Amino acid sequence: AEEQKAATKARKQYEELHQQLKNELESLQKQKGEIETAHGEVATKYLAVQFDKQAKEYEDTAGKWLSLRNKLYWLLIGLIGVNFVAYLLLFILDKAWDIGLPPREIFTLEYGLVKLALLAVLSYGVGFASKNYNVSSHLAAIDKHRYNVAQTLDDVLSTNPDRKTEILRQGIEAMFKHVSIGYIRREEQKDNGPIYEIVNKFLPNQES
């Protein structure tokens, strides 16, 4: 009877210890999940802040290149327009009133070469500024996309802690995979400008 009583007491103590250890294990697993989720949320918040900061920096850079491109473009158009109007005005005045100043006296071959060189330089500047504007805008769009993904990932992690690994995998894949933004890729851009392209189009092909 005493041995049976001792065995019953030992079994009861074992069951209590087993239940205690089970509760502690469940508590530790829960705390581990909370820590992992909190770590993922902190990481996504940090990435969101960094991507937002970079996107704004690229937007500012793109704005500067756009402003420079517009200035060079209108300077190019103005130079072409002034020369066209001047030539047309001299032509009309010389034909109508014979002012003794035909257009060929001013618009000489040397003058044309100088103007063509100036137009080529301005055209190159327009192409160069356009390329850098596209590059900066492309990077800004990518960082905006990554910022949106990081924000969404943060919200999803806080509501679905049990699927943390799968959510992080899909979020990272969506954040860093190649996406079509709409801007010309850097390797497909040229710095030549429209004047160079026009001249090169009408010049005979020398490769043969």
C-alpha atoms as a PDB file:
ATOM      1  CA  ALA A   1       0.000   0.000   0.000  1.00  0.00           C
ATOM      2  CA  GLU A   2       2.819   2.381   0.797  1.00  0.00           C
ATOM      3  CA  GLU A   3       4.555   1.583  -2.512  1.00  0.00           C
ATOM      4  CA  GLN A   4       1.318   2.131  -4.413  1.00  0.00           C
ATOM      5  CA  LYS A   5       0.795   5.404  -2.617  1.00  0.00           C
ATOM      6  CA  ALA A   6       4.363   6.496  -3.453  1.00  0.00           C
ATOM      7  CA  ALA A   7       3.901   5.457  -7.098  1.00  0.00           C
ATOM      8  CA  THR A   8       0.666   7.422  -7.353  1.00  0.00           C
ATOM      9  CA  LYS A   9       2.344  10.455  -5.832  1.00  0.00           C
ATOM     10  CA  ALA A  10       5.308  10.113  -8.209  1.00  0.00           C
ATOM     11  CA  ARG A  11       3.003   9.761 -11.224  1.00  0.00           C
ATOM     12  CA  LYS A  12       1.096  12.865 -10.160  1.00  0.00           C
ATOM     13  CA  GLN A  13       4.322  14.816  -9.777  1.00  0.00           C
ATOM     14  CA  TYR A  14       5.470  13.583 -13.185  1.00  0.00           C
ATOM     15  CA  GLU A  15       2.203  14.682 -14.816  1.00  0.00           C
ATOM     16  CA  GLU A  16       2.452  18.101 -13.169  1.00  0.00           C
ATOM     17  CA  LEU A  17       6.090  18.460 -14.287  1.00  0.00           C
ATOM     18  CA  HIS A  18       5.206  17.312 -17.814  1.00  0.00           C
ATOM     19  CA  GLN A  19       2.374  19.832 -18.051  1.00  0.00           C
ATOM     20  CA  GLN A  20       4.644  22.570 -16.706  1.00  0.00           C
ATOM     21  CA  LEU A  21       7.357  21.777 -19.250  1.00  0.00           C
ATOM     22  CA  LYS A  22       4.756  21.645 -22.026  1.00  0.00           C
ATOM     23  CA  ASN A  23       3.414  25.069 -21.068  1.00  0.00           C
ATOM     24  CA  GLU A  24       6.912  26.517 -20.917  1.00  0.00           C
ATOM     25  CA  LEU A  25       7.760  25.075 -24.334  1.00  0.00           C
ATOM     26  CA  GLU A  26       4.619  26.552 -25.859  1.00  0.00           C
ATOM     27  CA  SER A  27       5.430  29.893 -24.250  1.00  0.00           C
ATOM     28  CA  LEU A  28       8.987  29.812 -25.634  1.00  0.00           C
ATOM     29  CA  GLN A  29       7.771  28.954 -29.124  1.00  0.00           C
ATOM     30  CA  LYS A  30       5.273  31.787 -28.962  1.00  0.00           C
ATOM     31  CA  GLN A  31       7.957  34.221 -27.814  1.00  0.00           C
ATOM     32  CA  LYS A  32      10.272  33.015 -30.578  1.00  0.00           C
ATOM     33  CA  GLY A  33       7.582  33.624 -33.180  1.00  0.00           C
ATOM     34  CA  GLU A  34       6.900  37.083 -31.790  1.00  0.00           C
ATOM     35  CA  ILE A  35      10.616  37.929 -31.847  1.00  0.00           C
ATOM     36  CA  GLU A  36      11.001  36.722 -35.446  1.00  0.00           C
ATOM     37  CA  THR A  37       7.935  38.625 -36.529  1.00  0.00           C
ATOM     38  CA  ALA A  38       9.103  41.766 -34.747  1.00  0.00           C
ATOM     39  CA  HIS A  39      12.535  41.413 -36.365  1.00  0.00           C
ATOM     40  CA  GLY A  40      10.943  41.087 -39.811  1.00  0.00           C
ATOM     41  CA  GLU A  41       8.728  44.102 -39.184  1.00  0.00           C
ATOM     42  CA  VAL A  42      11.718  46.211 -38.081  1.00  0.00           C
ATOM     43  CA  ALA A  43      13.672  45.144 -41.184  1.00  0.00           C
ATOM     44  CA  THR A  44      10.820  45.981 -43.554  1.00  0.00           C
ATOM     45  CA  LYS A  45      10.270  49.352 -41.889  1.00  0.00           C
ATOM     46  CA  TYR A  46      13.973  50.170 -42.220  1.00  0.00           C
ATOM     47  CA  LEU A  47      13.975  49.156 -45.895  1.00  0.00           C
ATOM     48  CA  ALA A  48      10.851  51.226 -46.538  1.00  0.00           C
ATOM     49  CA  VAL A  49      12.511  54.324 -45.081  1.00  0.00           C
ATOM     50  CA  GLN A  50      15.719  53.779 -47.078  1.00  0.00           C
ATOM     51  CA  PHE A  51      13.920  53.138 -50.371  1.00  0.00           C
ATOM     52  CA  ASP A  52      11.707  56.197 -49.858  1.00  0.00           C
ATOM     53  CA  LYS A  53      14.784  58.335 -49.200  1.00  0.00           C
ATOM     54  CA  GLN A  54      16.572  57.055 -52.302  1.00  0.00           C
ATOM     55  CA  ALA A  55      13.482  57.526 -54.462  1.00  0.00           C
ATOM     56  CA  LYS A  56      13.250  61.197 -53.446  1.00  0.00           C
ATOM     57  CA  GLU A  57      16.964  61.722 -54.174  1.00  0.00           C
ATOM     58  CA  TYR A  58      16.600  60.205 -57.644  1.00  0.00           C
ATOM     59  CA  GLU A  59      13.493  62.308 -58.280  1.00  0.00           C
ATOM     60  CA  ASP A  60      15.432  65.469 -57.427  1.00  0.00           C
ATOM     61  CA  THR A  61      18.257  64.419 -59.739  1.00  0.00           C
ATOM     62  CA  ALA A  62      15.801  63.607 -62.524  1.00  0.00           C
ATOM     63  CA  GLY A  63      14.188  67.039 -62.097  1.00  0.00           C
ATOM     64  CA  LYS A  64      17.564  68.757 -62.538  1.00  0.00           C
ATOM     65  CA  TRP A  65      18.352  66.808 -65.693  1.00  0.00           C
ATOM     66  CA  LEU A  66      14.868  67.514 -67.063  1.00  0.00           C
ATOM     67  CA  SER A  67      15.287  71.245 -66.456  1.00  0.00           C
ATOM     68  CA  LEU A  68      18.680  71.226 -68.210  1.00  0.00           C
ATOM     69  CA  ARG A  69      17.295  69.228 -71.108  1.00  0.00           C
ATOM     70  CA  ASN A  70      14.403  71.650 -71.594  1.00  0.00           C
ATOM     71  CA  LYS A  71      16.740  74.646 -71.567  1.00  0.00           C
ATOM     72  CA  LEU A  72      19.078  73.090 -74.126  1.00  0.00           C
ATOM     73  CA  TYR A  73      16.143  71.967 -76.261  1.00  0.00           C
ATOM     74  CA  TRP A  74      14.572  75.418 -76.450  1.00  0.00           C
ATOM     75  CA  LEU A  75      17.979  76.983 -77.068  1.00  0.00           C
ATOM     76  CA  LEU A  76      18.429  74.586 -79.965  1.00  0.00           C
ATOM     77  CA  ILE A  77      14.978  75.359 -81.359  1.00  0.00           C
ATOM     78  CA  GLY A  78      15.553  79.100 -80.891  1.00  0.00           C
ATOM     79  CA  LEU A  79      18.884  78.992 -82.729  1.00  0.00           C
ATOM     80  CA  ILE A  80      17.355  77.141 -85.655  1.00  0.00           C
ATOM     81  CA  GLY A  81      14.330  79.465 -85.701  1.00  0.00           C
ATOM     82  CA  VAL A  82      16.413  82.671 -85.599  1.00  0.00           C
ATOM     83  CA  ASN A  83      18.572  81.523 -88.495  1.00  0.00           C
ATOM     84  CA  PHE A  84      15.550  80.486 -90.525  1.00  0.00           C
ATOM     85  CA  VAL A  85      13.731  83.774 -89.949  1.00  0.00           C
ATOM     86  CA  ALA A  86      16.882  85.802 -90.681  1.00  0.00           C
ATOM     87  CA  TYR A  87      17.514  83.962 -93.935  1.00  0.00           C
ATOM     88  CA  LEU A  88      13.859  84.294 -95.024  1.00  0.00           C
ATOM     89  CA  LEU A  89      13.780  88.003 -94.128  1.00  0.00           C
ATOM     90  CA  LEU A  90      16.978  88.768 -96.050  1.00  0.00           C
ATOM     91  CA  PHE A  91      15.705  86.780 -99.013  1.00  0.00           C
ATOM     92  CA  ILE A  92      12.401  88.696 -99.136  1.00  0.00           C
ATOM     93  CA  LEU A  93      14.017  92.095 -98.659  1.00  0.00           C
ATOM     94  CA  ASP A  94      16.642  91.415-101.329  1.00  0.00           C
ATOM     95  CA  LYS A  95      14.044  90.227-103.834  1.00  0.00           C
ATOM     96  CA  ALA A  96      11.487  92.924-103.128  1.00  0.00           C
ATOM     97  CA  TRP A  97      13.613  96.025-102.522  1.00  0.00           C
ATOM     98  CA  ASP A  98      17.066  94.939-103.704  1.00  0.00           C
ATOM     99  CA  ILE A  99      18.814  96.040-100.517  1.00  0.00           C
ATOM    100  CA  GLY A 100      22.119  94.739-101.753  1.00  0.00           C
ATOM    101  CA  LEU A 101      22.491  92.183 -98.994  1.00  0.00           C
ATOM    102  CA  PRO A 102      21.588  88.775-100.389  1.00  0.00           C
ATOM    103  CA  PRO A 103      21.433  85.879 -97.902  1.00  0.00           C
ATOM    104  CA  ARG A 104      24.512  84.237 -99.436  1.00  0.00           C
ATOM    105  CA  GLU A 105      26.632  87.168 -98.244  1.00  0.00           C
ATOM    106  CA  ILE A 106      25.927  86.249 -94.624  1.00  0.00           C
ATOM    107  CA  PHE A 107      25.039  82.571 -94.773  1.00  0.00           C
ATOM    108  CA  THR A 108      28.375  81.432 -96.124  1.00  0.00           C
ATOM    109  CA  LEU A 109      29.862  77.952 -95.994  1.00  0.00           C
ATOM    110  CA  GLU A 110      32.007  78.904 -93.006  1.00  0.00           C
ATOM    111  CA  TYR A 111      28.963  80.303 -91.198  1.00  0.00           C
ATOM    112  CA  GLY A 112      27.041  77.114 -91.938  1.00  0.00           C
ATOM    113  CA  LEU A 113      29.826  74.897 -90.605  1.00  0.00           C
ATOM    114  CA  VAL A 114      30.055  76.898 -87.387  1.00  0.00           C
ATOM    115  CA  LYS A 115      26.293  76.770 -86.909  1.00  0.00           C
ATOM    116  CA  LEU A 116      26.210  73.065 -87.672  1.00  0.00           C
ATOM    117  CA  ALA A 117      28.910  72.434 -85.064  1.00  0.00           C
ATOM    118  CA  LEU A 118      26.999  74.502 -82.511  1.00  0.00           C
ATOM    119  CA  LEU A 119      23.782  72.660 -83.327  1.00  0.00           C
ATOM    120  CA  ALA A 120      25.593  69.332 -82.960  1.00  0.00           C
ATOM    121  CA  VAL A 121      26.927  70.326 -79.522  1.00  0.00           C
ATOM    122  CA  LEU A 122      23.478  71.436 -78.362  1.00  0.00           C
ATOM    123  CA  SER A 123      21.919  68.309 -79.810  1.00  0.00           C
ATOM    124  CA  TYR A 124      24.449  66.149 -77.954  1.00  0.00           C
ATOM    125  CA  GLY A 125      23.632  68.029 -74.750  1.00  0.00           C
ATOM    126  CA  VAL A 126      19.905  67.369 -75.219  1.00  0.00           C
ATOM    127  CA  GLY A 127      20.567  63.649 -75.771  1.00  0.00           C
ATOM    128  CA  PHE A 128      22.930  63.406 -72.795  1.00  0.00           C
ATOM    129  CA  ALA A 129      20.514  65.186 -70.448  1.00  0.00           C
ATOM    130  CA  SER A 130      17.634  63.020 -71.696  1.00  0.00           C
ATOM    131  CA  LYS A 131      19.601  59.845 -71.040  1.00  0.00           C
ATOM    132  CA  ASN A 132      20.473  60.852 -67.485  1.00  0.00           C
ATOM    133  CA  TYR A 133      16.875  61.961 -66.861  1.00  0.00           C
ATOM    134  CA  ASN A 134      15.634  58.525 -67.968  1.00  0.00           C
ATOM    135  CA  VAL A 135      18.211  56.736 -65.813  1.00  0.00           C
ATOM    136  CA  SER A 136      17.362  58.782 -62.697  1.00  0.00           C
ATOM    137  CA  SER A 137      13.617  58.416 -63.296  1.00  0.00           C
ATOM    138  CA  HIS A 138      14.034  54.674 -63.795  1.00  0.00           C
ATOM    139  CA  LEU A 139      15.907  54.315 -60.488  1.00  0.00           C
ATOM    140  CA  ALA A 140      13.323  56.474 -58.704  1.00  0.00           C
ATOM    141  CA  ALA A 141      10.495  54.296 -60.043  1.00  0.00           C
ATOM    142  CA  ILE A 142      12.292  51.117 -58.915  1.00  0.00           C
ATOM    143  CA  ASP A 143      12.831  52.479 -55.410  1.00  0.00           C
ATOM    144  CA  LYS A 144       9.184  53.555 -55.220  1.00  0.00           C
ATOM    145  CA  HIS A 145       8.181  50.016 -56.167  1.00  0.00           C
ATOM    146  CA  ARG A 146      10.465  48.586 -53.480  1.00  0.00           C
ATOM    147  CA  TYR A 147       9.113  51.060 -50.939  1.00  0.00           C
ATOM    148  CA  ASN A 148       5.553  49.971 -51.693  1.00  0.00           C
ATOM    149  CA  VAL A 149       6.523  46.303 -51.386  1.00  0.00           C
ATOM    150  CA  ALA A 150       8.266  46.923 -48.049  1.00  0.00           C
ATOM    151  CA  GLN A 151       5.226  48.786 -46.715  1.00  0.00           C
ATOM    152  CA  THR A 152       2.886  46.007 -47.824  1.00  0.00           C
ATOM    153  CA  LEU A 153       5.224  43.373 -46.389  1.00  0.00           C
ATOM    154  CA  ASP A 154       5.229  45.150 -43.040  1.00  0.00           C
ATOM    155  CA  ASP A 155       1.425  45.156 -42.920  1.00  0.00           C
ATOM    156  CA  VAL A 156       1.157  41.498 -43.948  1.00  0.00           C
ATOM    157  CA  LEU A 157       3.764  40.316 -41.422  1.00  0.00           C
ATOM    158  CA  SER A 158       1.908  41.997 -38.574  1.00  0.00           C
ATOM    159  CA  THR A 159      -1.313  40.180 -39.467  1.00  0.00           C
ATOM    160  CA  ASN A 160       0.108  36.783 -40.502  1.00  0.00           C
ATOM    161  CA  PRO A 161       2.993  35.857 -38.170  1.00  0.00           C
ATOM    162  CA  ASP A 162       2.506  32.123 -38.772  1.00  0.00           C
ATOM    163  CA  ARG A 163       3.494  32.391 -42.457  1.00  0.00           C
ATOM    164  CA  LYS A 164       6.508  34.608 -41.919  1.00  0.00           C
ATOM    165  CA  THR A 165       8.986  32.583 -44.022  1.00  0.00           C
ATOM    166  CA  GLU A 166       6.737  32.309 -47.066  1.00  0.00           C
ATOM    167  CA  ILE A 167       5.694  35.951 -46.840  1.00  0.00           C
ATOM    168  CA  LEU A 168       9.304  37.130 -46.623  1.00  0.00           C
ATOM    169  CA  ARG A 169      10.323  34.964 -49.578  1.00  0.00           C
ATOM    170  CA  GLN A 170       7.557  36.329 -51.786  1.00  0.00           C
ATOM    171  CA  GLY A 171       8.172  39.877 -50.585  1.00  0.00           C
ATOM    172  CA  ILE A 172      11.897  39.764 -51.340  1.00  0.00           C
ATOM    173  CA  GLU A 173      11.202  38.248 -54.754  1.00  0.00           C
ATOM    174  CA  ALA A 174       8.706  41.001 -55.566  1.00  0.00           C
ATOM    175  CA  MET A 175      11.054  43.669 -54.200  1.00  0.00           C
ATOM    176  CA  PHE A 176      14.169  42.813 -56.197  1.00  0.00           C
ATOM    177  CA  LYS A 177      12.938  41.073 -59.328  1.00  0.00           C
ATOM    178  CA  HIS A 178      13.242  42.843 -62.682  1.00  0.00           C
ATOM    179  CA  VAL A 179      10.125  44.826 -63.533  1.00  0.00           C
ATOM    180  CA  SER A 180       9.295  46.818 -66.654  1.00  0.00           C
ATOM    181  CA  ILE A 181       9.126  50.482 -65.633  1.00  0.00           C
ATOM    182  CA  GLY A 182       8.599  52.217 -68.975  1.00  0.00           C
ATOM    183  CA  TYR A 183      11.893  54.085 -69.296  1.00  0.00           C
ATOM    184  CA  ILE A 184      14.498  53.197 -71.897  1.00  0.00           C
ATOM    185  CA  ARG A 185      17.177  50.947 -70.485  1.00  0.00           C
ATOM    186  CA  ARG A 186      20.623  52.523 -70.103  1.00  0.00           C
ATOM    187  CA  GLU A 187      22.319  50.253 -72.635  1.00  0.00           C
ATOM    188  CA  GLU A 188      19.713  51.126 -75.259  1.00  0.00           C
ATOM    189  CA  GLN A 189      20.251  54.876 -74.980  1.00  0.00           C
ATOM    190  CA  LYS A 190      22.587  56.983 -77.093  1.00  0.00           C
ATOM    191  CA  ASP A 191      24.113  60.392 -76.425  1.00  0.00           C
ATOM    192  CA  ASN A 192      24.237  61.439 -80.058  1.00  0.00           C
ATOM    193  CA  GLY A 193      21.161  63.641 -80.168  1.00  0.00           C
ATOM    194  CA  PRO A 194      18.707  64.334 -83.034  1.00  0.00           C
ATOM    195  CA  ILE A 195      21.091  66.408 -85.208  1.00  0.00           C
ATOM    196  CA  TYR A 196      23.694  63.647 -85.254  1.00  0.00           C
ATOM    197  CA  GLU A 197      21.060  61.062 -86.108  1.00  0.00           C
ATOM    198  CA  ILE A 198      19.742  63.177 -89.007  1.00  0.00           C
ATOM    199  CA  VAL A 199      23.209  63.807 -90.435  1.00  0.00           C
ATOM    200  CA  ASN A 200      24.256  60.192 -90.014  1.00  0.00           C
ATOM    201  CA  LYS A 201      21.082  59.012 -91.726  1.00  0.00           C
ATOM    202  CA  PHE A 202      21.691  60.998 -94.907  1.00  0.00           C
ATOM    203  CA  LEU A 203      25.461  60.430 -95.088  1.00  0.00           C
ATOM    204  CA  PRO A 204      26.572  57.499 -97.265  1.00  0.00           C
ATOM    205  CA  ASN A 205      27.337  54.298 -95.425  1.00  0.00           C
ATOM    206  CA  GLN A 206      31.114  53.930 -95.052  1.00  0.00           C
ATOM    207  CA  GLU A 207      31.114  50.443 -93.545  1.00  0.00           C
ATOM    208  CA  SER A 208      31.051  48.789 -96.957  1.00  0.00           C
END
